[in-house]
C-alpha atoms as a PDB file:
ATOM      1  CA  MET A   1     -33.336 -13.267   7.073  1.00  0.00           C
ATOM      2  CA  LYS A   2     -30.658 -14.191   4.544  1.00  0.00           C
ATOM      3  CA  LEU A   3     -32.408 -12.031   1.947  1.00  0.00           C
ATOM      4  CA  ILE A   4     -32.097  -8.982   4.212  1.00  0.00           C
ATOM      5  CA  GLY A   5     -28.372  -9.695   4.632  1.00  0.00           C
ATOM      6  CA  LYS A   6     -27.946  -9.922   0.875  1.00  0.00           C
ATOM      7  CA  ILE A   7     -29.794  -6.659   0.330  1.00  0.00           C
ATOM      8  CA  LEU A   8     -27.659  -4.916   2.954  1.00  0.00           C
ATOM      9  CA  SER A   9     -24.428  -6.338   1.509  1.00  0.00           C
ATOM     10  CA  LEU A  10     -25.058  -4.958  -1.990  1.00  0.00           C
ATOM     11  CA  PRO A  11     -23.998  -1.349  -1.177  1.00  0.00           C
ATOM     12  CA  LEU A  12     -20.946  -2.680   0.664  1.00  0.00           C
ATOM     13  CA  ILE A  13     -19.950  -4.668  -2.417  1.00  0.00           C
ATOM     14  CA  LEU A  14     -20.198  -1.531  -4.518  1.00  0.00           C
ATOM     15  CA  VAL A  15     -18.238   0.644  -2.077  1.00  0.00           C
ATOM     16  CA  THR A  16     -15.459  -1.902  -1.473  1.00  0.00           C
ATOM     17  CA  GLY A  17     -15.150  -2.539  -5.219  1.00  0.00           C
ATOM     18  CA  ILE A  18     -14.716   1.142  -5.995  1.00  0.00           C
ATOM     19  CA  LEU A  19     -12.298   1.674  -3.098  1.00  0.00           C
ATOM     20  CA  TYR A  20     -10.300  -1.411  -4.076  1.00  0.00           C
ATOM     21  CA  GLY A  21      -9.860  -0.205  -7.644  1.00  0.00           C
ATOM     22  CA  PHE A  22      -8.924   3.323  -6.582  1.00  0.00           C
ATOM     23  CA  PHE A  23      -6.470   2.250  -3.888  1.00  0.00           C
ATOM     24  CA  LYS A  24      -4.892  -0.345  -6.177  1.00  0.00           C
ATOM     25  CA  PHE A  25      -4.168   2.400  -8.704  1.00  0.00           C
ATOM     26  CA  VAL A  26      -2.784   4.696  -5.988  1.00  0.00           C
ATOM     27  CA  VAL A  27      -0.497   1.963  -4.622  1.00  0.00           C
ATOM     28  CA  ILE A  28       0.886   1.154  -8.079  1.00  0.00           C
ATOM     29  CA  ALA A  29       1.471   4.814  -8.968  1.00  0.00           C
ATOM     30  CA  SER A  30       3.002   5.713  -5.614  1.00  0.00           C
ATOM     31  CA  GLY A  31       5.200   2.610  -5.666  1.00  0.00           C
ATOM     32  CA  ALA A  32       6.746   3.741  -8.929  1.00  0.00           C
ATOM     33  CA  VAL A  33       7.356   7.286  -7.717  1.00  0.00           C
ATOM     34  CA  LEU A  34       8.642   6.209  -4.302  1.00  0.00           C
ATOM     35  CA  GLY A  35      10.937   3.629  -5.903  1.00  0.00           C
ATOM     36  CA  ILE A  36      12.724   6.361  -7.831  1.00  0.00           C
ATOM     37  CA  LEU A  37      12.757   8.631  -4.782  1.00  0.00           C
ATOM     38  CA  SER A  38      14.206   5.900  -2.566  1.00  0.00           C
ATOM     39  CA  GLY A  39      17.128   5.506  -4.977  1.00  0.00           C
ATOM     40  CA  ILE A  40      17.844   9.217  -4.750  1.00  0.00           C
ATOM     41  CA  VAL A  41      17.592   9.156  -0.944  1.00  0.00           C
ATOM     42  CA  PHE A  42      19.894   6.121  -0.850  1.00  0.00           C
ATOM     43  CA  LEU A  43      22.575   7.961  -2.825  1.00  0.00           C
ATOM     44  CA  ALA A  44      22.166  10.990  -0.562  1.00  0.00           C
ATOM     45  CA  ALA A  45      22.479   8.698   2.480  1.00  0.00           C
ATOM     46  CA  LEU A  46      25.790   7.392   1.208  1.00  0.00           C
ATOM     47  CA  GLY A  47      27.045  10.953   0.831  1.00  0.00           C
ATOM     48  CA  ILE A  48      25.806  11.864   4.312  1.00  0.00           C
ATOM     49  CA  TRP A  49      27.421   8.739   5.728  1.00  0.00           C
ATOM     50  CA  ILE A  50      30.792   9.757   4.282  1.00  0.00           C
ATOM     51  CA  SER A  51      30.567  13.450   5.190  1.00  0.00           C
ATOM     52  CA  ALA A  52      28.575  13.585   8.461  1.00  0.00           C
ATOM     53  CA  GLY A  53      29.234  10.231  10.057  1.00  0.00           C
ATOM     54  CA  LEU A  54      27.701   6.853  10.718  1.00  0.00           C
ATOM     55  CA  LEU A  55      24.539   7.712  12.667  1.00  0.00           C
ATOM     56  CA  PRO A  56      23.063  10.332  10.293  1.00  0.00           C
ATOM     57  CA  GLY A  57      23.887   8.089   7.347  1.00  0.00           C
ATOM     58  CA  LEU A  58      22.097   5.140   8.947  1.00  0.00           C
ATOM     59  CA  ALA A  59      19.081   7.331   9.688  1.00  0.00           C
ATOM     60  CA  TRP A  60      18.833   8.309   6.034  1.00  0.00           C
ATOM     61  CA  LEU A  61      19.305   4.692   4.979  1.00  0.00           C
ATOM     62  CA  ALA A  62      16.351   3.769   7.196  1.00  0.00           C
ATOM     63  CA  ILE A  63      14.272   6.473   5.513  1.00  0.00           C
ATOM     64  CA  ALA A  64      15.329   5.157   2.101  1.00  0.00           C
ATOM     65  CA  PHE A  65      14.220   1.662   3.121  1.00  0.00           C
ATOM     66  CA  LEU A  66      10.850   2.890   4.382  1.00  0.00           C
ATOM     67  CA  ILE A  67      10.008   4.595   1.092  1.00  0.00           C
ATOM     68  CA  SER A  68      11.428   1.772  -1.012  1.00  0.00           C
ATOM     69  CA  PRO A  69       9.017  -0.776  -2.529  1.00  0.00           C
ATOM     70  CA  TYR A  70       9.785  -3.131   0.399  1.00  0.00           C
ATOM     71  CA  GLY A  71       8.808  -0.639   3.123  1.00  0.00           C
ATOM     72  CA  LEU A  72       5.605   1.316   3.491  1.00  0.00           C
ATOM     73  CA  PRO A  73       4.329   0.667  -0.061  1.00  0.00           C
ATOM     74  CA  MET A  74       4.424  -3.076   0.695  1.00  0.00           C
ATOM     75  CA  ALA A  75       2.318  -2.509   3.803  1.00  0.00           C
ATOM     76  CA  ALA A  76      -0.139  -0.433   1.774  1.00  0.00           C
ATOM     77  CA  ALA A  77      -0.326  -3.167  -0.865  1.00  0.00           C
ATOM     78  CA  TRP A  78      -1.049  -5.711   1.880  1.00  0.00           C
ATOM     79  CA  LEU A  79      -3.916  -3.568   3.173  1.00  0.00           C
ATOM     80  CA  VAL A  80      -5.321  -3.131  -0.334  1.00  0.00           C
ATOM     81  CA  GLY A  81      -5.155  -6.908  -0.763  1.00  0.00           C
ATOM     82  CA  LYS A  82      -7.178  -7.339   2.444  1.00  0.00           C
ATOM     83  CA  LEU A  83      -9.768  -4.908   1.065  1.00  0.00           C
ATOM     84  CA  GLY A  84      -9.931  -6.977  -2.128  1.00  0.00           C
ATOM     85  CA  GLY A  85     -10.405 -10.121  -0.036  1.00  0.00           C
ATOM     86  CA  LEU A  86     -13.291  -8.455   1.803  1.00  0.00           C
ATOM     87  CA  ASN A  87     -14.857  -7.530  -1.524  1.00  0.00           C
ATOM     88  CA  ASP A  88     -14.524 -11.129  -2.741  1.00  0.00           C
ATOM     89  CA  ALA A  89     -16.052 -12.479   0.485  1.00  0.00           C
ATOM     90  CA  LEU A  90     -19.010 -10.117   0.155  1.00  0.00           C
ATOM     91  CA  ARG A  91     -19.505 -11.164  -3.473  1.00  0.00           C
ATOM     92  CA  ASP A  92     -19.403 -14.831  -2.493  1.00  0.00           C
ATOM     93  CA  PHE A  93     -22.035 -14.162   0.174  1.00  0.00           C
ATOM     94  CA  PHE A  94     -24.269 -12.269  -2.244  1.00  0.00           C
ATOM     95  CA  PHE A  95     -23.986 -14.555  -5.261  1.00  0.00           C
ATOM     96  CA  GLY A  96     -23.356 -17.842  -3.460  1.00  0.00           C
END
């Protein structure tokens, strides 16, 4: 029965390994681009805060935080890390 589980886990190891590598690259590349973009949005938020008022400026600051490396890219990196953990657990099951 364990042999059948190992045979069935082999394609999952391959798929999760490929997805992990691809998504890791995407998270790194998008983090760099969104980091630069969040700086631009932050400067625009300061200008909006001065010209349009407090509430629109705070809304744009929230958007700048979400696209900063501590916002949505951090959540995506956490999910990619969970996918890598799943891949490691499948490898441990297969080889262990």
